[in-house]
Amino acid sequence: MTERITIEVWQDGLCVASVNARPDDVRREAQHYALIYSQDGPVRIIGKSGRRRWTIADVERTKVSSQASGNERVEPKQKINPPSNGDEQP
């Protein structure tokens, strides 16, 4: 069975979302959740696998602006971190 990693989105001290993803999809899923939830304010994306926890991303508030064509353009300010060996709490 393929290993799954749990991704949690923390905002204002609360876990506001959680999803399981394959290791190959973790970065994409983290960026997607960071984009959506950071529109409401800063978020921390946490990865969990077994007892191991690590910060995947700390994201400041994301600004979404519309272009003349009506498409939305996203301007995230984020820092994506690779998994570390130590356990970390949000």
C-alpha atoms as a PDB file:
ATOM      1  CA  MET A   1       0.000   0.000   0.000  1.00  0.00           C
ATOM      2  CA  THR A   2       1.234   3.494  -0.868  1.00  0.00           C
ATOM      3  CA  GLU A   3       2.271   5.703   2.043  1.00  0.00           C
ATOM      4  CA  ARG A   4      -0.109   8.602   2.658  1.00  0.00           C
ATOM      5  CA  ILE A   5       0.763  11.909   4.281  1.00  0.00           C
ATOM      6  CA  THR A   6      -1.801  13.955   6.155  1.00  0.00           C
ATOM      7  CA  ILE A   7      -1.765  17.679   5.411  1.00  0.00           C
ATOM      8  CA  GLU A   8      -3.315  20.017   7.974  1.00  0.00           C
ATOM      9  CA  VAL A   9      -4.102  23.697   7.486  1.00  0.00           C
ATOM     10  CA  TRP A  10      -3.765  25.750  10.694  1.00  0.00           C
ATOM     11  CA  GLN A  11      -5.161  29.250  10.983  1.00  0.00           C
ATOM     12  CA  ASP A  12      -5.578  31.329  14.149  1.00  0.00           C
ATOM     13  CA  GLY A  13      -4.555  28.335  16.290  1.00  0.00           C
ATOM     14  CA  LEU A  14      -7.192  26.006  14.798  1.00  0.00           C
ATOM     15  CA  CYS A  15      -6.942  23.158  12.298  1.00  0.00           C
ATOM     16  CA  VAL A  16      -9.341  24.392   9.602  1.00  0.00           C
ATOM     17  CA  ALA A  17      -8.760  21.611   7.044  1.00  0.00           C
ATOM     18  CA  SER A  18      -7.086  18.234   6.699  1.00  0.00           C
ATOM     19  CA  VAL A  19      -6.485  15.926   3.722  1.00  0.00           C
ATOM     20  CA  ASN A  20      -4.531  12.730   2.980  1.00  0.00           C
ATOM     21  CA  ALA A  21      -2.214  12.754  -0.042  1.00  0.00           C
ATOM     22  CA  ARG A  22       0.380  10.569  -1.711  1.00  0.00           C
ATOM     23  CA  PRO A  23       3.974  11.782  -1.132  1.00  0.00           C
ATOM     24  CA  ASP A  24       4.224  12.876  -4.792  1.00  0.00           C
ATOM     25  CA  ASP A  25       1.152  15.118  -4.376  1.00  0.00           C
ATOM     26  CA  VAL A  26       1.989  16.736  -1.025  1.00  0.00           C
ATOM     27  CA  ARG A  27       3.612  19.918  -2.386  1.00  0.00           C
ATOM     28  CA  ARG A  28       0.778  20.542  -4.875  1.00  0.00           C
ATOM     29  CA  GLU A  29      -1.917  19.914  -2.256  1.00  0.00           C
ATOM     30  CA  ALA A  30      -0.133  22.157   0.266  1.00  0.00           C
ATOM     31  CA  GLN A  31       0.122  24.985  -2.261  1.00  0.00           C
ATOM     32  CA  HIS A  32      -3.554  24.599  -3.182  1.00  0.00           C
ATOM     33  CA  TYR A  33      -4.737  24.693   0.437  1.00  0.00           C
ATOM     34  CA  ALA A  34      -2.384  27.569   1.245  1.00  0.00           C
ATOM     35  CA  LEU A  35      -3.766  29.558  -1.681  1.00  0.00           C
ATOM     36  CA  ILE A  36      -7.394  29.020  -0.676  1.00  0.00           C
ATOM     37  CA  TYR A  37      -7.126  29.538   3.077  1.00  0.00           C
ATOM     38  CA  SER A  38      -4.547  32.343   3.059  1.00  0.00           C
ATOM     39  CA  GLN A  39      -7.120  34.652   1.472  1.00  0.00           C
ATOM     40  CA  ASP A  40      -8.600  34.865   4.992  1.00  0.00           C
ATOM     41  CA  GLY A  41      -5.256  35.431   6.731  1.00  0.00           C
ATOM     42  CA  PRO A  42      -1.914  33.768   7.487  1.00  0.00           C
ATOM     43  CA  VAL A  43      -1.819  29.945   7.562  1.00  0.00           C
ATOM     44  CA  ARG A  44       0.617  27.187   8.458  1.00  0.00           C
ATOM     45  CA  ILE A  45       0.527  23.943   6.486  1.00  0.00           C
ATOM     46  CA  ILE A  46       1.628  20.919   8.551  1.00  0.00           C
ATOM     47  CA  GLY A  47       2.587  17.505   7.174  1.00  0.00           C
ATOM     48  CA  LYS A  48       2.078  14.376   9.269  1.00  0.00           C
ATOM     49  CA  SER A  49       3.241  10.824   8.646  1.00  0.00           C
ATOM     50  CA  GLY A  50       3.001   8.441  11.583  1.00  0.00           C
ATOM     51  CA  ARG A  51       4.363  10.304  14.614  1.00  0.00           C
ATOM     52  CA  ARG A  52       6.443  12.671  12.505  1.00  0.00           C
ATOM     53  CA  ARG A  53       5.185  16.269  11.978  1.00  0.00           C
ATOM     54  CA  TRP A  54       6.786  19.083  10.002  1.00  0.00           C
ATOM     55  CA  THR A  55       5.899  22.511   8.666  1.00  0.00           C
ATOM     56  CA  ILE A  56       5.404  22.394   4.902  1.00  0.00           C
ATOM     57  CA  ALA A  57       4.602  26.084   4.461  1.00  0.00           C
ATOM     58  CA  ASP A  58       4.031  29.316   6.365  1.00  0.00           C
ATOM     59  CA  VAL A  59       1.906  31.570   4.190  1.00  0.00           C
ATOM     60  CA  GLU A  60       1.043  35.222   4.708  1.00  0.00           C
ATOM     61  CA  ARG A  61      -2.267  36.586   3.500  1.00  0.00           C
ATOM     62  CA  THR A  62      -2.667  36.002  -0.258  1.00  0.00           C
ATOM     63  CA  LYS A  63      -3.861  38.826  -2.495  1.00  0.00           C
ATOM     64  CA  VAL A  64      -6.070  37.835  -5.428  1.00  0.00           C
ATOM     65  CA  SER A  65      -6.544  40.438  -8.128  1.00  0.00           C
ATOM     66  CA  SER A  66      -8.542  40.361 -11.368  1.00  0.00           C
ATOM     67  CA  GLN A  67      -6.995  41.071 -14.735  1.00  0.00           C
ATOM     68  CA  ALA A  68      -8.785  42.797 -17.621  1.00  0.00           C
ATOM     69  CA  SER A  69      -9.641  39.372 -19.094  1.00  0.00           C
ATOM     70  CA  GLY A  70     -11.567  38.452 -15.951  1.00  0.00           C
ATOM     71  CA  ASN A  71      -9.093  35.743 -14.951  1.00  0.00           C
ATOM     72  CA  GLU A  72      -7.858  35.751 -11.386  1.00  0.00           C
ATOM     73  CA  ARG A  73      -4.171  36.178 -10.685  1.00  0.00           C
ATOM     74  CA  VAL A  74      -2.744  35.019  -7.391  1.00  0.00           C
ATOM     75  CA  GLU A  75       0.206  36.676  -5.696  1.00  0.00           C
ATOM     76  CA  PRO A  76       1.174  34.391  -2.792  1.00  0.00           C
ATOM     77  CA  LYS A  77       3.918  35.152  -0.299  1.00  0.00           C
ATOM     78  CA  GLN A  78       4.921  31.736   0.904  1.00  0.00           C
ATOM     79  CA  LYS A  79       7.853  29.748   2.130  1.00  0.00           C
ATOM     80  CA  ILE A  80       7.779  26.033   1.291  1.00  0.00           C
ATOM     81  CA  ASN A  81       9.874  23.863   3.590  1.00  0.00           C
ATOM     82  CA  PRO A  82      11.017  20.292   2.967  1.00  0.00           C
ATOM     83  CA  PRO A  83      10.312  17.680   5.665  1.00  0.00           C
ATOM     84  CA  SER A  84      12.686  17.783   8.619  1.00  0.00           C
ATOM     85  CA  ASN A  85      13.732  14.980  10.939  1.00  0.00           C
ATOM     86  CA  GLY A  86      12.388  16.601  14.096  1.00  0.00           C
ATOM     87  CA  ASP A  87       8.807  16.690  15.290  1.00  0.00           C
ATOM     88  CA  GLU A  88       7.218  20.107  15.222  1.00  0.00           C
ATOM     89  CA  GLN A  89       4.004  21.474  16.707  1.00  0.00           C
ATOM     90  CA  PRO A  90       1.855  24.092  14.913  1.00  0.00           C
END
